[in-house]
Structure formats: C-alpha cells, structure tokens
Amino acid sequence: MSDAVQPTAAEVRAAAEAVKTALDRHLAAVERRSGEDDPAVYEAFNELAAAAEVYDELLYDRYDEVTPFEIPGADDTAPYTGPEEPNALSVLIRRDYSVVEPQRLLAQAQRVEAADETLGTEASGTVHGALGVLFGEFEPDEIASRHKEFGLEEGDSTLWVTAADEPADPGEWLETPFDQVDVERVVCRFDVSAMFDDDDDDLADGVDLEDEDLEPLDLDQR
C-alpha cells in the first residue's frame, strides 16, 4: 500500500479506542444477559468482531503489524448465511500432535494402567495402545495443557463455532461428526499455528529462527 492511501496514526488510534469501547459493551451485555439467546449479547459480539477486524486491517496497513486475533474475512471464508439468532451451536476442535518421545508416552500410559484395575496390562505396550489409554483417561484440554508430559509436541489447532437452527437429535451425527460442516454457518473461528510466529522477524533478519516452545496454561492437574 502506498503512503498516499495509508491510514493515519490517528485513524489507527481511533480504531483501537473503538475496540476498547466495543469490548466494554460486550462485557456489559454479557453481565446483563437475560438468557442464553439474549439478542443484546449477540449484537455486542458482532460489534466487537467488526471493530476488531477494522483495527486489525488499519494496524497492518499503517505499521505492517498484526493482532493475535484470528477473524474470518471475506477473502478467506464463506459469507455467513446462518440464522441471526442461532438456537443451537456446534463447536468443532482440531488439535494436531507429534509423538516425539514414545518412551515417555508409554511410561505415562503404564502408570494409568497400574492405577486403574479395570484396565488391562497390554494396551500400553504399543504407541497406538498408549494413545488410547491416555486419551481415554484424560480430557482433551488436559492433554493439551500437559502434552509435554505425555511425550507429545503441539502442531496446528483450530476451533470453529457454527450456528444451527435447532439442536441435533441425540446420536444424529456421531458416526460422521465432521462431514456436514457448513462453512457459511461459521460464527467465529480461532486458529493457532507456528506459521503465525515471528514471521515478520524472520523476513527482516533474512534467517530462519527455531520456533519457541509455548508453555501451556497453568491448569490444575489430576
């Protein structure tokens, strides 16, 4: 973008202030919500998303800098065509891992088997079996927060929130949970990837830097 059409510093500052105002309004709407389908909360959410998107664009155009928020735009996602006031939501999560320390994975699975008499003693003898033991014992969020303990390394992850007209019937989609995702009903999404880390620094320096390990949140452990 040329200097002639770049946003001014004042415009970027104004956009930042708009995000702060929208954030306060969203919190106030949540605090005063009258129920799960309160339209004021939904409206405040949309205003916050719109303000954040404007700020993100101006910040990049003016300073070649980005925010940590991933907001779908017209260029990278289908237009939203779902209900204005969704009666139901589906949350789809994908987290990728690499098995980098198989022996640590096996040892952790063997500890679980030793502490639970209902489990057999053979499953933890293979990486495939150990994964089944650990993911059967721990919640996905706990796996994410303790992945290093289990010999795993985090890869990309994404979370999609999609809107629905009505809740699905029990068991309706269990056999094919991801086959009928409508991208035009995605309310919001949040992506985490190493490709977002230090891209600008790497290009400026002309060298490749190793990605820094991101420590998990300090969650209560079992």
Protein backbone atom coordinates (compact mmCIF):
# COMPACT_ATOMS: atom_id res chain seq x y z
CA MET A 1 0.00 0.00 0.00
CA SER A 2 1.38 3.41 -0.94
CA ASP A 3 1.97 6.18 1.56
CA ALA A 4 -0.79 8.24 -0.11
CA VAL A 5 -3.52 5.81 0.90
CA GLN A 6 -2.12 4.54 4.17
CA PRO A 7 -4.31 5.19 7.23
CA THR A 8 -3.02 7.86 9.58
CA ALA A 9 -1.75 7.16 13.07
CA ALA A 10 -4.84 8.95 14.39
CA GLU A 11 -7.11 6.60 12.44
CA VAL A 12 -5.36 3.55 13.89
CA ARG A 13 -5.63 5.02 17.38
CA ALA A 14 -9.34 5.72 16.84
CA ALA A 15 -9.87 2.12 15.71
CA ALA A 16 -8.10 0.87 18.83
CA GLU A 17 -10.37 3.02 21.00
CA ALA A 18 -13.39 1.60 19.13
CA VAL A 19 -12.25 -1.92 20.03
CA LYS A 20 -11.95 -0.93 23.70
CA THR A 21 -15.45 0.57 23.65
CA ALA A 22 -16.90 -2.49 21.91
CA LEU A 23 -15.16 -4.75 24.43
CA ASP A 24 -16.71 -2.84 27.34
CA ARG A 25 -20.14 -3.01 25.71
CA HIS A 26 -19.81 -6.72 25.11
CA LEU A 27 -18.87 -7.38 28.73
CA ALA A 28 -21.75 -5.20 29.95
CA ALA A 29 -24.18 -7.08 27.69
CA VAL A 30 -22.92 -10.42 28.99
CA GLU A 31 -23.25 -9.26 32.60
CA ARG A 32 -26.85 -8.15 31.97
CA ARG A 33 -27.88 -11.05 29.73
CA SER A 34 -31.48 -12.16 30.16
CA GLY A 35 -30.97 -15.69 28.86
CA GLU A 36 -28.96 -17.89 26.52
CA ASP A 37 -30.41 -16.25 23.40
CA ASP A 38 -30.20 -12.63 24.56
CA PRO A 39 -30.06 -10.56 21.33
CA ALA A 40 -28.10 -7.80 23.08
CA VAL A 41 -25.20 -10.20 23.65
CA TYR A 42 -25.31 -11.36 20.06
CA GLU A 43 -25.35 -7.77 18.79
CA ALA A 44 -22.47 -6.77 21.09
CA PHE A 45 -20.47 -9.78 19.89
CA ASN A 46 -20.90 -8.75 16.26
CA GLU A 47 -19.94 -5.15 17.04
CA LEU A 48 -16.79 -6.32 18.82
CA ALA A 49 -15.84 -8.61 15.94
CA ALA A 50 -16.36 -5.81 13.41
CA ALA A 51 -14.35 -3.30 15.44
CA ALA A 52 -11.50 -5.77 15.90
CA GLU A 53 -11.41 -6.51 12.18
CA VAL A 54 -11.19 -2.81 11.29
CA TYR A 55 -8.41 -2.27 13.81
CA ASP A 56 -6.53 -5.31 12.56
CA GLU A 57 -6.65 -4.05 8.97
CA LEU A 58 -5.61 -0.48 9.81
CA LEU A 59 -2.82 -1.64 12.08
CA TYR A 60 -1.39 -3.80 9.32
CA ASP A 61 -1.76 -1.14 6.64
CA ARG A 62 -0.10 1.54 8.76
CA TYR A 63 2.55 -0.38 10.70
CA ASP A 64 2.77 -3.78 8.96
CA GLU A 65 1.82 -5.31 12.32
CA VAL A 66 -0.87 -7.81 13.26
CA THR A 67 -3.05 -8.63 16.28
CA PRO A 68 -3.25 -12.07 17.95
CA PHE A 69 -6.90 -12.39 16.92
CA GLU A 70 -7.98 -14.58 14.00
CA ILE A 71 -11.11 -13.08 12.47
CA PRO A 72 -12.51 -14.63 9.28
CA GLY A 73 -12.76 -12.12 6.48
CA ALA A 74 -14.37 -12.07 3.07
CA ASP A 75 -11.14 -13.25 1.42
CA ASP A 76 -10.63 -16.41 3.48
CA THR A 77 -14.04 -17.69 4.44
CA ALA A 78 -17.52 -18.03 3.02
CA PRO A 79 -20.05 -15.32 3.91
CA TYR A 80 -22.15 -16.10 6.95
CA THR A 81 -25.67 -17.15 5.94
CA GLY A 82 -26.83 -18.74 9.19
CA PRO A 83 -29.60 -17.53 11.48
CA GLU A 84 -29.26 -14.08 13.03
CA GLU A 85 -30.20 -15.54 16.41
CA PRO A 86 -28.93 -19.15 16.49
CA ASN A 87 -30.88 -21.56 18.66
CA ALA A 88 -28.02 -24.05 18.81
CA LEU A 89 -24.24 -24.15 18.33
CA SER A 90 -21.68 -26.74 17.35
CA VAL A 91 -18.07 -26.31 18.46
CA LEU A 92 -15.56 -28.18 16.30
CA ILE A 93 -11.99 -28.51 17.54
CA ARG A 94 -8.93 -29.98 15.86
CA ARG A 95 -5.55 -30.25 17.60
CA ASP A 96 -2.55 -31.88 15.96
CA TYR A 97 0.31 -33.51 17.89
CA SER A 98 3.54 -35.26 17.03
CA VAL A 99 4.77 -38.20 19.11
CA VAL A 100 8.32 -37.03 19.86
CA GLU A 101 9.09 -39.14 22.95
CA PRO A 102 7.45 -42.58 22.57
CA GLN A 103 9.04 -43.94 25.76
CA ARG A 104 7.57 -41.10 27.83
CA LEU A 105 4.18 -41.76 26.22
CA LEU A 106 4.39 -45.47 27.04
CA ALA A 107 5.52 -44.80 30.61
CA GLN A 108 2.60 -42.46 31.28
CA ALA A 109 0.11 -44.97 29.88
CA GLN A 110 1.60 -47.73 32.04
CA ARG A 111 1.16 -45.55 35.14
CA VAL A 112 -2.50 -45.09 34.29
CA GLU A 113 -2.97 -48.83 33.83
CA ALA A 114 -1.20 -49.58 37.11
CA ALA A 115 -3.54 -47.22 38.97
CA ASP A 116 -6.75 -48.50 37.34
CA GLU A 117 -7.53 -52.14 37.95
CA THR A 118 -10.27 -52.12 35.31
CA LEU A 119 -7.74 -51.58 32.52
CA GLY A 120 -5.73 -54.39 31.01
CA THR A 121 -1.96 -54.60 31.09
CA GLU A 122 -1.28 -54.95 27.35
CA ALA A 123 -2.68 -51.78 25.78
CA SER A 124 0.18 -49.58 26.93
CA GLY A 125 2.76 -51.81 25.28
CA THR A 126 2.41 -50.06 21.92
CA VAL A 127 2.26 -46.39 20.94
CA HIS A 128 -1.18 -46.94 19.42
CA GLY A 129 -2.42 -48.58 22.61
CA ALA A 130 -0.80 -45.98 24.85
CA LEU A 131 -2.54 -43.19 22.98
CA GLY A 132 -5.85 -44.95 23.50
CA VAL A 133 -5.18 -45.27 27.23
CA LEU A 134 -4.17 -41.64 27.75
CA PHE A 135 -6.89 -40.06 25.61
CA GLY A 136 -9.41 -42.34 27.29
CA GLU A 137 -8.25 -41.28 30.76
CA PHE A 138 -7.67 -37.53 30.34
CA GLU A 139 -9.88 -34.77 28.97
CA PRO A 140 -8.67 -33.20 25.68
CA ASP A 141 -7.96 -29.87 27.41
CA GLU A 142 -5.78 -31.65 29.98
CA ILE A 143 -3.88 -33.42 27.20
CA ALA A 144 -3.31 -30.01 25.60
CA SER A 145 -2.03 -28.45 28.82
CA ARG A 146 0.21 -31.42 29.72
CA HIS A 147 1.26 -32.60 26.27
CA LYS A 148 4.99 -32.47 27.06
CA GLU A 149 4.47 -34.85 29.99
CA PHE A 150 2.98 -37.34 27.54
CA GLY A 151 5.83 -37.09 25.03
CA LEU A 152 3.80 -35.05 22.56
CA GLU A 153 4.57 -31.89 20.62
CA GLU A 154 1.81 -29.48 19.63
CA GLY A 155 1.07 -28.76 15.99
CA ASP A 156 -1.62 -26.55 14.50
CA SER A 157 -5.02 -26.24 16.16
CA THR A 158 -8.31 -24.64 15.25
CA LEU A 159 -11.69 -24.08 16.86
CA TRP A 160 -14.84 -23.35 14.84
CA VAL A 161 -18.17 -22.21 16.25
CA THR A 162 -21.03 -22.93 13.87
CA ALA A 163 -24.67 -21.89 14.18
CA ALA A 164 -27.68 -24.19 13.87
CA ASP A 165 -31.41 -23.64 13.69
CA GLU A 166 -32.18 -26.46 16.13
CA PRO A 167 -30.13 -28.80 18.35
CA ALA A 168 -29.24 -32.11 16.73
CA ASP A 169 -31.07 -35.22 17.86
CA PRO A 170 -29.10 -37.50 20.24
CA GLY A 171 -26.71 -39.66 18.25
CA GLU A 172 -27.64 -37.99 14.95
CA TRP A 173 -24.10 -37.16 13.81
CA LEU A 174 -21.88 -39.43 15.91
CA GLU A 175 -20.83 -41.70 13.04
CA THR A 176 -19.80 -38.78 10.78
CA PRO A 177 -19.32 -35.76 13.08
CA PHE A 178 -17.43 -33.57 10.60
CA ASP A 179 -18.96 -34.48 7.25
CA GLN A 180 -21.74 -31.91 7.21
CA VAL A 181 -19.94 -28.75 8.34
CA ASP A 182 -21.41 -25.72 6.57
CA VAL A 183 -18.69 -23.06 6.28
CA GLU A 184 -21.35 -20.43 5.67
CA ARG A 185 -22.64 -21.01 9.22
CA VAL A 186 -19.29 -20.40 10.93
CA VAL A 187 -19.92 -17.71 13.57
CA CYS A 188 -16.26 -17.37 14.52
CA ARG A 189 -13.03 -19.33 14.48
CA PHE A 190 -9.72 -19.27 16.34
CA ASP A 191 -6.54 -20.67 14.76
CA VAL A 192 -3.14 -21.40 16.29
CA SER A 193 -0.20 -22.24 14.05
CA ALA A 194 3.57 -21.94 14.10
CA MET A 195 3.27 -20.18 10.74
CA PHE A 196 1.99 -17.11 12.62
CA ASP A 197 5.03 -16.95 14.92
CA ASP A 198 7.81 -14.46 14.25
CA ASP A 199 7.10 -14.30 10.50
CA ASP A 200 7.98 -10.62 10.29
CA ASP A 201 11.19 -11.02 12.32
CA ASP A 202 12.35 -13.93 10.18
CA LEU A 203 11.81 -11.98 6.96
CA ALA A 204 13.52 -8.86 8.30
CA ASP A 205 16.60 -10.73 9.51
CA GLY A 206 16.84 -12.97 6.47
CA VAL A 207 17.41 -16.03 8.65
CA ASP A 208 15.31 -18.90 9.88
CA LEU A 209 14.68 -18.99 13.61
CA GLU A 210 13.54 -22.01 15.55
CA ASP A 211 10.02 -21.72 16.89
CA GLU A 212 9.92 -21.08 20.60
CA ASP A 213 8.04 -23.61 22.68
CA LEU A 214 4.77 -22.24 24.02
CA GLU A 215 4.21 -23.25 27.60
CA PRO A 216 0.66 -24.48 28.35
CA LEU A 217 -1.62 -22.62 30.70
CA ASP A 218 -1.16 -23.49 34.36
CA LEU A 219 -4.23 -25.69 34.79
CA ASP A 220 -5.00 -27.87 37.76
CA GLN A 221 -3.52 -31.32 37.26
CA ARG A 222 -5.05 -34.54 38.42
